[in-house]
Amino acid sequence: MFVLMSVHHPHPEHREALIDSMHRYGAAIRGQAGLTSIHTLADAGSDRLVGLAIFESREDFERLAPIARAAVADDPFDEWEQRDIDGLALTEI
C-alpha cells in the first residue's frame, strides 16, 4: 500500500476553486487499476483541506500521478494557497 496525503491551506476566497481542483485531480484517476480510493476532506478544526489517495503500490502511484497532475496542471496553486502544500508519501510498515 502507498498513500499520498496532501494538506492544503487555501486563502478563504479561493477555497471553492481549490476544492474543485482537488475533485478534478481525483476524477482523472478514479476507477483506474491500482487506485484503492481517493478523497477530498475538510478538517473540522481549521481551514485545511486534505487530499488522500490510497494506491495498491508505489508503482501504481507513479503510473497514475502524471494523469492526475495533468488534470490540474494550469491551476494557480501559488495564488490559491496561503503556504506550500504539506505533502506526505506514506508506506505501510
N, C-alpha and C. Protein backbone atom coordinates (compact mmCIF):
# COMPACT_ATOMS: atom_id res chain seq x y z
N MET A 1 0.84 -1.18 0.00
CA MET A 1 0.00 0.00 0.00
C MET A 1 0.89 1.24 0.00
N PHE A 2 0.44 2.26 -0.75
CA PHE A 2 1.11 3.55 -0.79
C PHE A 2 0.03 4.62 -0.66
N VAL A 3 0.25 5.60 0.23
CA VAL A 3 -0.74 6.64 0.50
C VAL A 3 -0.11 8.00 0.22
N LEU A 4 -0.81 8.80 -0.55
CA LEU A 4 -0.42 10.19 -0.78
C LEU A 4 -1.40 11.06 -0.01
N MET A 5 -0.86 11.89 0.89
CA MET A 5 -1.69 12.81 1.65
C MET A 5 -1.16 14.22 1.42
N SER A 6 -2.03 15.10 0.97
CA SER A 6 -1.65 16.48 0.69
C SER A 6 -2.51 17.40 1.54
N VAL A 7 -1.87 18.21 2.38
CA VAL A 7 -2.58 19.14 3.24
C VAL A 7 -2.46 20.53 2.63
N HIS A 8 -3.62 21.11 2.33
CA HIS A 8 -3.71 22.41 1.69
C HIS A 8 -4.18 23.46 2.68
N HIS A 9 -3.70 24.68 2.49
CA HIS A 9 -4.06 25.82 3.33
C HIS A 9 -4.57 26.94 2.41
N PRO A 10 -5.83 26.85 1.98
CA PRO A 10 -6.31 27.81 0.99
C PRO A 10 -6.60 29.19 1.58
N HIS A 11 -6.41 30.21 0.74
CA HIS A 11 -6.96 31.52 1.08
C HIS A 11 -8.47 31.37 1.06
N PRO A 12 -9.19 31.98 1.99
CA PRO A 12 -10.64 31.80 2.06
C PRO A 12 -11.36 32.07 0.74
N GLU A 13 -10.93 33.07 0.01
CA GLU A 13 -11.61 33.41 -1.24
C GLU A 13 -11.34 32.43 -2.37
N HIS A 14 -10.38 31.52 -2.17
CA HIS A 14 -10.04 30.52 -3.19
C HIS A 14 -10.38 29.10 -2.76
N ARG A 15 -11.03 28.96 -1.61
CA ARG A 15 -11.34 27.64 -1.08
C ARG A 15 -12.14 26.78 -2.07
N GLU A 16 -13.19 27.33 -2.65
CA GLU A 16 -14.04 26.55 -3.56
C GLU A 16 -13.29 26.18 -4.83
N ALA A 17 -12.46 27.07 -5.34
CA ALA A 17 -11.66 26.75 -6.53
C ALA A 17 -10.69 25.63 -6.23
N LEU A 18 -10.10 25.64 -5.04
CA LEU A 18 -9.17 24.58 -4.67
C LEU A 18 -9.90 23.25 -4.50
N ILE A 19 -11.07 23.28 -3.89
CA ILE A 19 -11.86 22.05 -3.76
C ILE A 19 -12.19 21.49 -5.14
N ASP A 20 -12.60 22.36 -6.06
CA ASP A 20 -12.89 21.92 -7.43
C ASP A 20 -11.66 21.29 -8.06
N SER A 21 -10.50 21.89 -7.87
CA SER A 21 -9.26 21.34 -8.40
C SER A 21 -8.97 19.95 -7.81
N MET A 22 -9.16 19.82 -6.52
CA MET A 22 -8.91 18.54 -5.87
C MET A 22 -9.87 17.47 -6.42
N HIS A 23 -11.11 17.85 -6.68
CA HIS A 23 -12.08 16.92 -7.26
C HIS A 23 -11.67 16.51 -8.67
N ARG A 24 -11.18 17.45 -9.46
CA ARG A 24 -10.72 17.13 -10.82
C ARG A 24 -9.51 16.21 -10.80
N TYR A 25 -8.60 16.44 -9.86
CA TYR A 25 -7.43 15.56 -9.68
C TYR A 25 -7.90 14.13 -9.45
N GLY A 26 -8.83 13.97 -8.52
CA GLY A 26 -9.34 12.64 -8.21
C GLY A 26 -10.12 12.01 -9.35
N ALA A 27 -10.95 12.80 -10.01
CA ALA A 27 -11.76 12.28 -11.11
C ALA A 27 -10.90 11.76 -12.26
N ALA A 28 -9.73 12.35 -12.43
CA ALA A 28 -8.84 11.95 -13.53
C ALA A 28 -8.35 10.51 -13.38
N ILE A 29 -8.29 10.00 -12.16
CA ILE A 29 -7.76 8.65 -11.96
C ILE A 29 -8.74 7.70 -11.25
N ARG A 30 -9.88 8.20 -10.83
CA ARG A 30 -10.86 7.36 -10.15
C ARG A 30 -11.26 6.20 -11.06
N GLY A 31 -11.29 5.00 -10.51
CA GLY A 31 -11.65 3.81 -11.26
C GLY A 31 -10.50 3.13 -11.97
N GLN A 32 -9.31 3.73 -11.92
CA GLN A 32 -8.14 3.13 -12.56
C GLN A 32 -7.59 1.98 -11.72
N ALA A 33 -7.09 0.97 -12.38
CA ALA A 33 -6.46 -0.16 -11.69
C ALA A 33 -5.29 0.38 -10.87
N GLY A 34 -5.18 -0.08 -9.64
CA GLY A 34 -4.09 0.33 -8.76
C GLY A 34 -4.46 1.42 -7.79
N LEU A 35 -5.58 2.11 -8.03
CA LEU A 35 -6.07 3.12 -7.09
C LEU A 35 -7.14 2.48 -6.22
N THR A 36 -6.90 2.45 -4.93
CA THR A 36 -7.85 1.86 -3.99
C THR A 36 -8.97 2.85 -3.69
N SER A 37 -8.61 4.09 -3.35
CA SER A 37 -9.61 5.14 -3.10
C SER A 37 -8.93 6.50 -3.13
N ILE A 38 -9.77 7.53 -3.34
CA ILE A 38 -9.26 8.90 -3.36
C ILE A 38 -10.34 9.81 -2.78
N HIS A 39 -9.91 10.75 -1.93
CA HIS A 39 -10.85 11.56 -1.17
C HIS A 39 -10.38 13.01 -1.07
N THR A 40 -11.36 13.93 -1.03
CA THR A 40 -11.12 15.32 -0.70
C THR A 40 -11.80 15.56 0.63
N LEU A 41 -11.02 15.98 1.63
CA LEU A 41 -11.51 16.09 3.00
C LEU A 41 -11.28 17.49 3.55
N ALA A 42 -12.16 17.91 4.45
CA ALA A 42 -12.01 19.19 5.14
C ALA A 42 -11.77 18.91 6.61
N ASP A 43 -10.78 19.57 7.17
CA ASP A 43 -10.50 19.44 8.59
C ASP A 43 -11.57 20.21 9.38
N ALA A 44 -12.19 19.55 10.34
CA ALA A 44 -13.28 20.17 11.11
C ALA A 44 -12.78 21.29 12.02
N GLY A 45 -11.48 21.31 12.35
CA GLY A 45 -10.97 22.28 13.30
C GLY A 45 -10.17 23.42 12.70
N SER A 46 -10.10 23.48 11.37
CA SER A 46 -9.30 24.54 10.74
C SER A 46 -9.80 24.76 9.32
N ASP A 47 -9.08 25.59 8.58
CA ASP A 47 -9.43 25.83 7.18
C ASP A 47 -8.72 24.86 6.23
N ARG A 48 -8.00 23.90 6.78
CA ARG A 48 -7.22 22.98 5.95
C ARG A 48 -8.10 22.04 5.14
N LEU A 49 -7.63 21.73 3.94
CA LEU A 49 -8.22 20.71 3.09
C LEU A 49 -7.18 19.62 2.92
N VAL A 50 -7.63 18.38 2.86
CA VAL A 50 -6.71 17.26 2.76
C VAL A 50 -7.11 16.39 1.58
N GLY A 51 -6.14 16.13 0.72
CA GLY A 51 -6.30 15.15 -0.34
C GLY A 51 -5.70 13.84 0.14
N LEU A 52 -6.45 12.77 0.03
CA LEU A 52 -6.00 11.46 0.48
C LEU A 52 -6.21 10.46 -0.64
N ALA A 53 -5.14 9.90 -1.14
CA ALA A 53 -5.20 8.91 -2.21
C ALA A 53 -4.48 7.65 -1.75
N ILE A 54 -5.16 6.52 -1.87
CA ILE A 54 -4.59 5.24 -1.45
C ILE A 54 -4.42 4.36 -2.69
N PHE A 55 -3.19 3.95 -2.89
CA PHE A 55 -2.83 3.14 -4.04
C PHE A 55 -2.41 1.74 -3.58
N GLU A 56 -2.51 0.78 -4.46
CA GLU A 56 -2.08 -0.57 -4.12
C GLU A 56 -0.57 -0.64 -3.93
N SER A 57 0.17 0.19 -4.67
CA SER A 57 1.63 0.17 -4.57
C SER A 57 2.19 1.53 -4.99
N ARG A 58 3.44 1.76 -4.67
CA ARG A 58 4.11 2.99 -5.11
C ARG A 58 4.19 3.03 -6.63
N GLU A 59 4.37 1.89 -7.25
CA GLU A 59 4.42 1.82 -8.71
C GLU A 59 3.10 2.28 -9.32
N ASP A 60 1.98 1.91 -8.70
CA ASP A 60 0.68 2.38 -9.19
C ASP A 60 0.58 3.89 -9.06
N PHE A 61 1.02 4.44 -7.93
CA PHE A 61 1.04 5.89 -7.76
C PHE A 61 1.87 6.55 -8.86
N GLU A 62 3.07 6.04 -9.10
CA GLU A 62 3.96 6.64 -10.09
C GLU A 62 3.37 6.57 -11.50
N ARG A 63 2.58 5.56 -11.78
CA ARG A 63 1.93 5.42 -13.08
C ARG A 63 0.74 6.37 -13.21
N LEU A 64 -0.02 6.54 -12.14
CA LEU A 64 -1.24 7.34 -12.19
C LEU A 64 -1.03 8.83 -11.88
N ALA A 65 -0.02 9.16 -11.11
CA ALA A 65 0.19 10.55 -10.71
C ALA A 65 0.29 11.52 -11.89
N PRO A 66 1.01 11.19 -12.97
CA PRO A 66 1.08 12.14 -14.08
C PRO A 66 -0.29 12.42 -14.71
N ILE A 67 -1.18 11.45 -14.72
CA ILE A 67 -2.53 11.64 -15.25
C ILE A 67 -3.30 12.61 -14.37
N ALA A 68 -3.24 12.41 -13.06
CA ALA A 68 -3.94 13.28 -12.12
C ALA A 68 -3.37 14.69 -12.15
N ARG A 69 -2.06 14.80 -12.18
CA ARG A 69 -1.42 16.12 -12.19
C ARG A 69 -1.74 16.89 -13.47
N ALA A 70 -1.87 16.19 -14.58
CA ALA A 70 -2.20 16.85 -15.84
C ALA A 70 -3.58 17.52 -15.77
N ALA A 71 -4.49 16.94 -14.99
CA ALA A 71 -5.84 17.50 -14.87
C ALA A 71 -5.86 18.84 -14.14
N VAL A 72 -4.81 19.14 -13.40
CA VAL A 72 -4.76 20.40 -12.62
C VAL A 72 -3.51 21.21 -12.95
N ALA A 73 -2.86 20.89 -14.04
CA ALA A 73 -1.56 21.49 -14.37
C ALA A 73 -1.62 23.01 -14.50
N ASP A 74 -2.74 23.56 -14.92
CA ASP A 74 -2.84 25.00 -15.14
C ASP A 74 -3.46 25.75 -13.96
N ASP A 75 -3.72 25.05 -12.88
CA ASP A 75 -4.33 25.70 -11.71
C ASP A 75 -3.30 26.54 -10.96
N PRO A 76 -3.66 27.76 -10.55
CA PRO A 76 -2.70 28.68 -9.91
C PRO A 76 -2.58 28.45 -8.39
N PHE A 77 -2.01 27.32 -8.03
CA PHE A 77 -1.89 26.98 -6.60
C PHE A 77 -1.14 28.05 -5.82
N ASP A 78 -0.18 28.71 -6.45
CA ASP A 78 0.57 29.75 -5.74
C ASP A 78 -0.32 30.93 -5.35
N GLU A 79 -1.41 31.14 -6.06
CA GLU A 79 -2.38 32.18 -5.70
C GLU A 79 -3.41 31.67 -4.70
N TRP A 80 -3.78 30.41 -4.82
CA TRP A 80 -4.86 29.83 -4.01
C TRP A 80 -4.41 29.48 -2.60
N GLU A 81 -3.14 29.11 -2.44
CA GLU A 81 -2.65 28.59 -1.18
C GLU A 81 -1.99 29.67 -0.33
N GLN A 82 -2.21 29.62 0.97
CA GLN A 82 -1.56 30.54 1.90
C GLN A 82 -0.09 30.19 2.09
N ARG A 83 0.24 28.92 1.91
CA ARG A 83 1.62 28.44 2.07
C ARG A 83 1.78 27.17 1.26
N ASP A 84 2.99 26.65 1.21
CA ASP A 84 3.26 25.44 0.44
C ASP A 84 2.39 24.28 0.93
N ILE A 85 2.06 23.40 0.01
CA ILE A 85 1.30 22.20 0.33
C ILE A 85 2.18 21.28 1.18
N ASP A 86 1.61 20.75 2.25
CA ASP A 86 2.31 19.75 3.06
C ASP A 86 2.00 18.40 2.45
N GLY A 87 2.97 17.81 1.79
CA GLY A 87 2.77 16.52 1.13
C GLY A 87 3.43 15.39 1.90
N LEU A 88 2.70 14.31 2.05
CA LEU A 88 3.22 13.12 2.70
C LEU A 88 3.10 11.94 1.75
N ALA A 89 4.16 11.19 1.60
CA ALA A 89 4.18 9.97 0.81
C ALA A 89 4.39 8.82 1.81
N LEU A 90 3.32 8.09 2.07
CA LEU A 90 3.31 7.14 3.18
C LEU A 90 3.30 5.70 2.68
N THR A 91 4.13 4.89 3.32
CA THR A 91 4.13 3.46 3.05
C THR A 91 3.85 2.71 4.33
N GLU A 92 3.17 1.60 4.19
CA GLU A 92 2.84 0.79 5.36
C GLU A 92 4.08 0.07 5.86
N ILE A 93 4.25 0.04 7.17
CA ILE A 93 5.41 -0.66 7.75
C ILE A 93 4.93 -1.71 8.75
